[in-house]
Amino acid sequence: MTEIAEFEVSDLFDDLLDRVERGGELVITRHGKPVARLTPLAENFDRAAAIEAVARLRESRKGVTLGGISIRELIDEGRR
């Protein structure tokens, strides 16, 4: 990931868009601190594949236990 200062963005905007279009990612900084990220749009999002992945995750957790300890007990123990 490339960082670029705010004042450079306007001069290089066309070149920066070309880089992002080719898959690059840029972080825009102001006074050395990151303030924005320029990334390509995810046009190829496959909703069916995402739903299938969630179903596989849910299926893989079946039968997994916490050794007889409930989630509530773990949460309460962390609060002590």
PDB file of N, CA and C in Angstrom:
ATOM      1  N   MET A   1       0.844  -1.162   0.000  1.00  0.00           N
ATOM      2  CA  MET A   1       0.000   0.000   0.000  1.00  0.00           C
ATOM      3  C   MET A   1       0.894   1.231   0.000  1.00  0.00           C
ATOM      4  N   THR A   2       0.569   2.148  -0.849  1.00  0.00           N
ATOM      5  CA  THR A   2       1.350   3.362  -1.018  1.00  0.00           C
ATOM      6  C   THR A   2       0.725   4.504  -0.230  1.00  0.00           C
ATOM      7  N   GLU A   3       1.548   5.318   0.391  1.00  0.00           N
ATOM      8  CA  GLU A   3       1.060   6.519   1.067  1.00  0.00           C
ATOM      9  C   GLU A   3       1.409   7.736   0.231  1.00  0.00           C
ATOM     10  N   ILE A   4       0.501   8.691   0.195  1.00  0.00           N
ATOM     11  CA  ILE A   4       0.735   9.909  -0.555  1.00  0.00           C
ATOM     12  C   ILE A   4       0.178  11.080   0.254  1.00  0.00           C
ATOM     13  N   ALA A   5       0.914  12.180   0.243  1.00  0.00           N
ATOM     14  CA  ALA A   5       0.500  13.364   0.994  1.00  0.00           C
ATOM     15  C   ALA A   5      -0.659  14.065   0.305  1.00  0.00           C
ATOM     16  N   GLU A   6      -1.498  14.679   1.113  1.00  0.00           N
ATOM     17  CA  GLU A   6      -2.696  15.371   0.627  1.00  0.00           C
ATOM     18  C   GLU A   6      -2.386  16.372  -0.487  1.00  0.00           C
ATOM     19  N   PHE A   7      -1.331  17.153  -0.322  1.00  0.00           N
ATOM     20  CA  PHE A   7      -1.031  18.198  -1.297  1.00  0.00           C
ATOM     21  C   PHE A   7      -0.597  17.635  -2.650  1.00  0.00           C
ATOM     22  N   GLU A   8      -0.178  16.378  -2.691  1.00  0.00           N
ATOM     23  CA  GLU A   8       0.242  15.762  -3.946  1.00  0.00           C
ATOM     24  C   GLU A   8      -0.916  15.174  -4.739  1.00  0.00           C
ATOM     25  N   VAL A   9      -2.033  14.931  -4.069  1.00  0.00           N
ATOM     26  CA  VAL A   9      -3.155  14.231  -4.700  1.00  0.00           C
ATOM     27  C   VAL A   9      -3.690  14.990  -5.905  1.00  0.00           C
ATOM     28  N   SER A  10      -3.917  16.288  -5.764  1.00  0.00           N
ATOM     29  CA  SER A  10      -4.523  17.032  -6.873  1.00  0.00           C
ATOM     30  C   SER A  10      -3.631  17.050  -8.110  1.00  0.00           C
ATOM     31  N   ASP A  11      -2.329  17.121  -7.918  1.00  0.00           N
ATOM     32  CA  ASP A  11      -1.410  17.139  -9.059  1.00  0.00           C
ATOM     33  C   ASP A  11      -1.342  15.792  -9.767  1.00  0.00           C
ATOM     34  N   LEU A  12      -1.529  14.712  -9.019  1.00  0.00           N
ATOM     35  CA  LEU A  12      -1.335  13.371  -9.559  1.00  0.00           C
ATOM     36  C   LEU A  12      -2.626  12.576  -9.690  1.00  0.00           C
ATOM     37  N   PHE A  13      -3.770  13.227  -9.580  1.00  0.00           N
ATOM     38  CA  PHE A  13      -5.035  12.512  -9.469  1.00  0.00           C
ATOM     39  C   PHE A  13      -5.251  11.496 -10.588  1.00  0.00           C
ATOM     40  N   ASP A  14      -5.031  11.863 -11.829  1.00  0.00           N
ATOM     41  CA  ASP A  14      -5.243  10.935 -12.946  1.00  0.00           C
ATOM     42  C   ASP A  14      -4.349   9.704 -12.822  1.00  0.00           C
ATOM     43  N   ASP A  15      -3.077   9.920 -12.483  1.00  0.00           N
ATOM     44  CA  ASP A  15      -2.150   8.801 -12.314  1.00  0.00           C
ATOM     45  C   ASP A  15      -2.563   7.915 -11.145  1.00  0.00           C
ATOM     46  N   LEU A  16      -3.036   8.534 -10.069  1.00  0.00           N
ATOM     47  CA  LEU A  16      -3.464   7.763  -8.898  1.00  0.00           C
ATOM     48  C   LEU A  16      -4.674   6.900  -9.232  1.00  0.00           C
ATOM     49  N   LEU A  17      -5.629   7.454  -9.967  1.00  0.00           N
ATOM     50  CA  LEU A  17      -6.788   6.655 -10.375  1.00  0.00           C
ATOM     51  C   LEU A  17      -6.380   5.485 -11.262  1.00  0.00           C
ATOM     52  N   ASP A  18      -5.414   5.708 -12.132  1.00  0.00           N
ATOM     53  CA  ASP A  18      -4.918   4.611 -12.970  1.00  0.00           C
ATOM     54  C   ASP A  18      -4.323   3.500 -12.112  1.00  0.00           C
ATOM     55  N   ARG A  19      -3.561   3.869 -11.094  1.00  0.00           N
ATOM     56  CA  ARG A  19      -2.944   2.877 -10.208  1.00  0.00           C
ATOM     57  C   ARG A  19      -4.002   2.078  -9.467  1.00  0.00           C
ATOM     58  N   VAL A  20      -5.024   2.777  -8.967  1.00  0.00           N
ATOM     59  CA  VAL A  20      -6.092   2.102  -8.230  1.00  0.00           C
ATOM     60  C   VAL A  20      -6.900   1.213  -9.164  1.00  0.00           C
ATOM     61  N   GLU A  21      -7.138   1.675 -10.367  1.00  0.00           N
ATOM     62  CA  GLU A  21      -7.884   0.886 -11.353  1.00  0.00           C
ATOM     63  C   GLU A  21      -7.175  -0.426 -11.661  1.00  0.00           C
ATOM     64  N   ARG A  22      -5.859  -0.422 -11.589  1.00  0.00           N
ATOM     65  CA  ARG A  22      -5.067  -1.638 -11.834  1.00  0.00           C
ATOM     66  C   ARG A  22      -4.959  -2.506 -10.586  1.00  0.00           C
ATOM     67  N   GLY A  23      -5.671  -2.128  -9.506  1.00  0.00           N
ATOM     68  CA  GLY A  23      -5.677  -2.966  -8.306  1.00  0.00           C
ATOM     69  C   GLY A  23      -4.874  -2.416  -7.154  1.00  0.00           C
ATOM     70  N   GLY A  24      -4.244  -1.268  -7.324  1.00  0.00           N
ATOM     71  CA  GLY A  24      -3.457  -0.687  -6.251  1.00  0.00           C
ATOM     72  C   GLY A  24      -4.333  -0.082  -5.163  1.00  0.00           C
ATOM     73  N   GLU A  25      -3.720   0.216  -4.047  1.00  0.00           N
ATOM     74  CA  GLU A  25      -4.413   0.839  -2.932  1.00  0.00           C
ATOM     75  C   GLU A  25      -3.543   1.963  -2.409  1.00  0.00           C
ATOM     76  N   LEU A  26      -4.146   3.115  -2.132  1.00  0.00           N
ATOM     77  CA  LEU A  26      -3.394   4.276  -1.675  1.00  0.00           C
ATOM     78  C   LEU A  26      -3.957   4.785  -0.361  1.00  0.00           C
ATOM     79  N   VAL A  27      -3.078   5.240   0.510  1.00  0.00           N
ATOM     80  CA  VAL A  27      -3.494   5.917   1.734  1.00  0.00           C
ATOM     81  C   VAL A  27      -3.090   7.375   1.594  1.00  0.00           C
ATOM     82  N   ILE A  28      -4.045   8.262   1.782  1.00  0.00           N
ATOM     83  CA  ILE A  28      -3.786   9.698   1.693  1.00  0.00           C
ATOM     84  C   ILE A  28      -3.541  10.215   3.101  1.00  0.00           C
ATOM     85  N   THR A  29      -2.455  10.935   3.261  1.00  0.00           N
ATOM     86  CA  THR A  29      -2.081  11.429   4.582  1.00  0.00           C
ATOM     87  C   THR A  29      -2.190  12.942   4.646  1.00  0.00           C
ATOM     88  N   ARG A  30      -2.420  13.429   5.853  1.00  0.00           N
ATOM     89  CA  ARG A  30      -2.400  14.871   6.123  1.00  0.00           C
ATOM     90  C   ARG A  30      -1.481  15.063   7.322  1.00  0.00           C
ATOM     91  N   HIS A  31      -0.430  15.818   7.105  1.00  0.00           N
ATOM     92  CA  HIS A  31       0.582  16.044   8.146  1.00  0.00           C
ATOM     93  C   HIS A  31       1.142  14.715   8.672  1.00  0.00           C
ATOM     94  N   GLY A  32       1.304  13.764   7.758  1.00  0.00           N
ATOM     95  CA  GLY A  32       1.905  12.481   8.107  1.00  0.00           C
ATOM     96  C   GLY A  32       0.959  11.474   8.730  1.00  0.00           C
ATOM     97  N   LYS A  33      -0.310  11.825   8.919  1.00  0.00           N
ATOM     98  CA  LYS A  33      -1.273  10.909   9.528  1.00  0.00           C
ATOM     99  C   LYS A  33      -2.287  10.458   8.474  1.00  0.00           C
ATOM    100  N   PRO A  34      -2.564   9.164   8.400  1.00  0.00           N
ATOM    101  CA  PRO A  34      -3.520   8.657   7.411  1.00  0.00           C
ATOM    102  C   PRO A  34      -4.914   9.228   7.649  1.00  0.00           C
ATOM    103  N   VAL A  35      -5.568   9.693   6.566  1.00  0.00           N
ATOM    104  CA  VAL A  35      -6.916  10.235   6.676  1.00  0.00           C
ATOM    105  C   VAL A  35      -7.906   9.576   5.718  1.00  0.00           C
ATOM    106  N   ALA A  36      -7.412   8.927   4.666  1.00  0.00           N
ATOM    107  CA  ALA A  36      -8.313   8.295   3.706  1.00  0.00           C
ATOM    108  C   ALA A  36      -7.595   7.166   2.987  1.00  0.00           C
ATOM    109  N   ARG A  37      -8.390   6.242   2.471  1.00  0.00           N
ATOM    110  CA  ARG A  37      -7.844   5.132   1.689  1.00  0.00           C
ATOM    111  C   ARG A  37      -8.580   5.109   0.355  1.00  0.00           C
ATOM    112  N   LEU A  38      -7.821   5.019  -0.720  1.00  0.00           N
ATOM    113  CA  LEU A  38      -8.372   4.945  -2.067  1.00  0.00           C
ATOM    114  C   LEU A  38      -8.148   3.521  -2.568  1.00  0.00           C
ATOM    115  N   THR A  39      -9.252   2.791  -2.773  1.00  0.00           N
ATOM    116  CA  THR A  39      -9.170   1.393  -3.182  1.00  0.00           C
ATOM    117  C   THR A  39     -10.081   1.153  -4.374  1.00  0.00           C
ATOM    118  N   PRO A  40      -9.810   0.106  -5.139  1.00  0.00           N
ATOM    119  CA  PRO A  40     -10.690  -0.205  -6.261  1.00  0.00           C
ATOM    120  C   PRO A  40     -12.048  -0.695  -5.755  1.00  0.00           C
ATOM    121  N   LEU A  41     -13.085  -0.460  -6.537  1.00  0.00           N
ATOM    122  CA  LEU A  41     -14.401  -0.989  -6.201  1.00  0.00           C
ATOM    123  C   LEU A  41     -14.421  -2.492  -6.408  1.00  0.00           C
ATOM    124  N   ALA A  42     -15.119  -3.177  -5.530  1.00  0.00           N
ATOM    125  CA  ALA A  42     -15.251  -4.630  -5.643  1.00  0.00           C
ATOM    126  C   ALA A  42     -16.483  -4.933  -6.484  1.00  0.00           C
ATOM    127  N   GLU A  43     -16.326  -4.889  -7.787  1.00  0.00           N
ATOM    128  CA  GLU A  43     -17.456  -5.114  -8.685  1.00  0.00           C
ATOM    129  C   GLU A  43     -17.809  -6.588  -8.814  1.00  0.00           C
ATOM    130  N   ASN A  44     -16.890  -7.464  -8.504  1.00  0.00           N
ATOM    131  CA  ASN A  44     -17.103  -8.885  -8.721  1.00  0.00           C
ATOM    132  C   ASN A  44     -17.562  -9.604  -7.460  1.00  0.00           C
ATOM    133  N   PHE A  45     -18.308  -8.920  -6.586  1.00  0.00           N
ATOM    134  CA  PHE A  45     -18.786  -9.543  -5.367  1.00  0.00           C
ATOM    135  C   PHE A  45     -19.791 -10.623  -5.727  1.00  0.00           C
ATOM    136  N   ASP A  46     -19.532 -11.836  -5.245  1.00  0.00           N
ATOM    137  CA  ASP A  46     -20.398 -12.977  -5.539  1.00  0.00           C
ATOM    138  C   ASP A  46     -21.223 -13.292  -4.300  1.00  0.00           C
ATOM    139  N   ARG A  47     -22.456 -12.812  -4.283  1.00  0.00           N
ATOM    140  CA  ARG A  47     -23.331 -12.982  -3.118  1.00  0.00           C
ATOM    141  C   ARG A  47     -23.562 -14.464  -2.804  1.00  0.00           C
ATOM    142  N   ALA A  48     -23.757 -15.266  -3.827  1.00  0.00           N
ATOM    143  CA  ALA A  48     -23.999 -16.699  -3.622  1.00  0.00           C
ATOM    144  C   ALA A  48     -22.794 -17.363  -2.963  1.00  0.00           C
ATOM    145  N   ALA A  49     -21.600 -16.995  -3.383  1.00  0.00           N
ATOM    146  CA  ALA A  49     -20.392 -17.562  -2.783  1.00  0.00           C
ATOM    147  C   ALA A  49     -20.254 -17.136  -1.326  1.00  0.00           C
ATOM    148  N   ALA A  50     -20.634 -15.896  -1.019  1.00  0.00           N
ATOM    149  CA  ALA A  50     -20.568 -15.420   0.365  1.00  0.00           C
ATOM    150  C   ALA A  50     -21.548 -16.177   1.245  1.00  0.00           C
ATOM    151  N   ILE A  51     -22.748 -16.387   0.758  1.00  0.00           N
ATOM    152  CA  ILE A  51     -23.756 -17.136   1.520  1.00  0.00           C
ATOM    153  C   ILE A  51     -23.294 -18.570   1.741  1.00  0.00           C
ATOM    154  N   GLU A  52     -22.701 -19.154   0.730  1.00  0.00           N
ATOM    155  CA  GLU A  52     -22.182 -20.523   0.849  1.00  0.00           C
ATOM    156  C   GLU A  52     -21.046 -20.597   1.872  1.00  0.00           C
ATOM    157  N   ALA A  53     -20.182 -19.596   1.886  1.00  0.00           N
ATOM    158  CA  ALA A  53     -19.074 -19.575   2.848  1.00  0.00           C
ATOM    159  C   ALA A  53     -19.601 -19.477   4.275  1.00  0.00           C
ATOM    160  N   VAL A  54     -20.615 -18.659   4.494  1.00  0.00           N
ATOM    161  CA  VAL A  54     -21.211 -18.549   5.834  1.00  0.00           C
ATOM    162  C   VAL A  54     -21.834 -19.880   6.241  1.00  0.00           C
ATOM    163  N   ALA A  55     -22.508 -20.533   5.317  1.00  0.00           N
ATOM    164  CA  ALA A  55     -23.113 -21.834   5.621  1.00  0.00           C
ATOM    165  C   ALA A  55     -22.046 -22.857   6.003  1.00  0.00           C
ATOM    166  N   ARG A  56     -20.903 -22.841   5.297  1.00  0.00           N
ATOM    167  CA  ARG A  56     -19.816 -23.772   5.627  1.00  0.00           C
ATOM    168  C   ARG A  56     -19.242 -23.471   7.015  1.00  0.00           C
ATOM    169  N   LEU A  57     -19.117 -22.180   7.350  1.00  0.00           N
ATOM    170  CA  LEU A  57     -18.626 -21.824   8.688  1.00  0.00           C
ATOM    171  C   LEU A  57     -19.583 -22.308   9.770  1.00  0.00           C
ATOM    172  N   ARG A  58     -20.867 -22.098   9.560  1.00  0.00           N
ATOM    173  CA  ARG A  58     -21.858 -22.556  10.540  1.00  0.00           C
ATOM    174  C   ARG A  58     -21.822 -24.064  10.686  1.00  0.00           C
ATOM    175  N   GLU A  59     -21.677 -24.752   9.589  1.00  0.00           N
ATOM    176  CA  GLU A  59     -21.617 -26.218   9.625  1.00  0.00           C
ATOM    177  C   GLU A  59     -20.361 -26.699  10.359  1.00  0.00           C
ATOM    178  N   SER A  60     -19.253 -26.008  10.145  1.00  0.00           N
ATOM    179  CA  SER A  60     -17.993 -26.450  10.759  1.00  0.00           C
ATOM    180  C   SER A  60     -17.968 -26.262  12.269  1.00  0.00           C
ATOM    181  N   ARG A  61     -18.803 -25.376  12.797  1.00  0.00           N
ATOM    182  CA  ARG A  61     -18.799 -25.156  14.240  1.00  0.00           C
ATOM    183  C   ARG A  61     -19.680 -26.150  14.991  1.00  0.00           C
ATOM    184  N   LYS A  62     -20.504 -26.912  14.296  1.00  0.00           N
ATOM    185  CA  LYS A  62     -21.359 -27.903  14.949  1.00  0.00           C
ATOM    186  C   LYS A  62     -20.498 -28.943  15.653  1.00  0.00           C
ATOM    187  N   GLY A  63     -20.866 -29.220  16.884  1.00  0.00           N
ATOM    188  CA  GLY A  63     -20.140 -30.205  17.668  1.00  0.00           C
ATOM    189  C   GLY A  63     -18.949 -29.637  18.417  1.00  0.00           C
ATOM    190  N   VAL A  64     -18.609 -28.387  18.176  1.00  0.00           N
ATOM    191  CA  VAL A  64     -17.501 -27.748  18.884  1.00  0.00           C
ATOM    192  C   VAL A  64     -18.032 -27.240  20.218  1.00  0.00           C
ATOM    193  N   THR A  65     -17.359 -27.623  21.291  1.00  0.00           N
ATOM    194  CA  THR A  65     -17.806 -27.213  22.623  1.00  0.00           C
ATOM    195  C   THR A  65     -16.719 -26.410  23.318  1.00  0.00           C
ATOM    196  N   LEU A  66     -17.094 -25.845  24.431  1.00  0.00           N
ATOM    197  CA  LEU A  66     -16.158 -25.076  25.243  1.00  0.00           C
ATOM    198  C   LEU A  66     -15.772 -25.860  26.496  1.00  0.00           C
ATOM    199  N   GLY A  67     -15.855 -27.179  26.412  1.00  0.00           N
ATOM    200  CA  GLY A  67     -15.479 -28.010  27.548  1.00  0.00           C
ATOM    201  C   GLY A  67     -16.440 -27.886  28.719  1.00  0.00           C
ATOM    202  N   GLY A  68     -17.720 -27.702  28.421  1.00  0.00           N
ATOM    203  CA  GLY A  68     -18.722 -27.621  29.475  1.00  0.00           C
ATOM    204  C   GLY A  68     -18.903 -26.223  30.050  1.00  0.00           C
ATOM    205  N   ILE A  69     -18.149 -25.255  29.576  1.00  0.00           N
ATOM    206  CA  ILE A  69     -18.268 -23.883  30.066  1.00  0.00           C
ATOM    207  C   ILE A  69     -19.172 -23.121  29.101  1.00  0.00           C
ATOM    208  N   SER A  70     -20.074 -22.327  29.649  1.00  0.00           N
ATOM    209  CA  SER A  70     -20.963 -21.557  28.781  1.00  0.00           C
ATOM    210  C   SER A  70     -20.304 -20.236  28.397  1.00  0.00           C
ATOM    211  N   ILE A  71     -20.802 -19.659  27.343  1.00  0.00           N
ATOM    212  CA  ILE A  71     -20.319 -18.342  26.913  1.00  0.00           C
ATOM    213  C   ILE A  71     -20.507 -17.337  28.037  1.00  0.00           C
ATOM    214  N   ARG A  72     -21.662 -17.374  28.704  1.00  0.00           N
ATOM    215  CA  ARG A  72     -21.960 -16.447  29.795  1.00  0.00           C
ATOM    216  C   ARG A  72     -20.907 -16.563  30.900  1.00  0.00           C
ATOM    217  N   GLU A  73     -20.502 -17.790  31.243  1.00  0.00           N
ATOM    218  CA  GLU A  73     -19.481 -17.986  32.284  1.00  0.00           C
ATOM    219  C   GLU A  73     -18.143 -17.380  31.857  1.00  0.00           C
ATOM    220  N   LEU A  74     -17.797 -17.540  30.598  1.00  0.00           N
ATOM    221  CA  LEU A  74     -16.547 -16.955  30.106  1.00  0.00           C
ATOM    222  C   LEU A  74     -16.601 -15.425  30.161  1.00  0.00           C
ATOM    223  N   ILE A  75     -17.738 -14.857  29.770  1.00  0.00           N
ATOM    224  CA  ILE A  75     -17.889 -13.400  29.813  1.00  0.00           C
ATOM    225  C   ILE A  75     -17.799 -12.897  31.250  1.00  0.00           C
ATOM    226  N   ASP A  76     -18.533 -13.576  32.144  1.00  0.00           N
ATOM    227  CA  ASP A  76     -18.523 -13.162  33.546  1.00  0.00           C
ATOM    228  C   ASP A  76     -17.128 -13.284  34.162  1.00  0.00           C
ATOM    229  N   GLU A  77     -16.386 -14.309  33.800  1.00  0.00           N
ATOM    230  CA  GLU A  77     -15.035 -14.482  34.331  1.00  0.00           C
ATOM    231  C   GLU A  77     -14.115 -13.357  33.872  1.00  0.00           C
ATOM    232  N   GLY A  78     -14.313 -12.884  32.657  1.00  0.00           N
ATOM    233  CA  GLY A  78     -13.495 -11.800  32.157  1.00  0.00           C
ATOM    234  C   GLY A  78     -13.769 -10.473  32.839  1.00  0.00           C
ATOM    235  N   ARG A  79     -14.904 -10.368  33.507  1.00  0.00           N
ATOM    236  CA  ARG A  79     -15.287  -9.127  34.179  1.00  0.00           C
ATOM    237  C   ARG A  79     -14.771  -9.039  35.601  1.00  0.00           C
ATOM    238  N   ARG A  80     -14.198 -10.100  36.113  1.00  0.00           N
ATOM    239  CA  ARG A  80     -13.732 -10.101  37.505  1.00  0.00           C
ATOM    240  C   ARG A  80     -12.468  -9.312  37.654  1.00  0.00           C
TER     241      ARG A  80
END
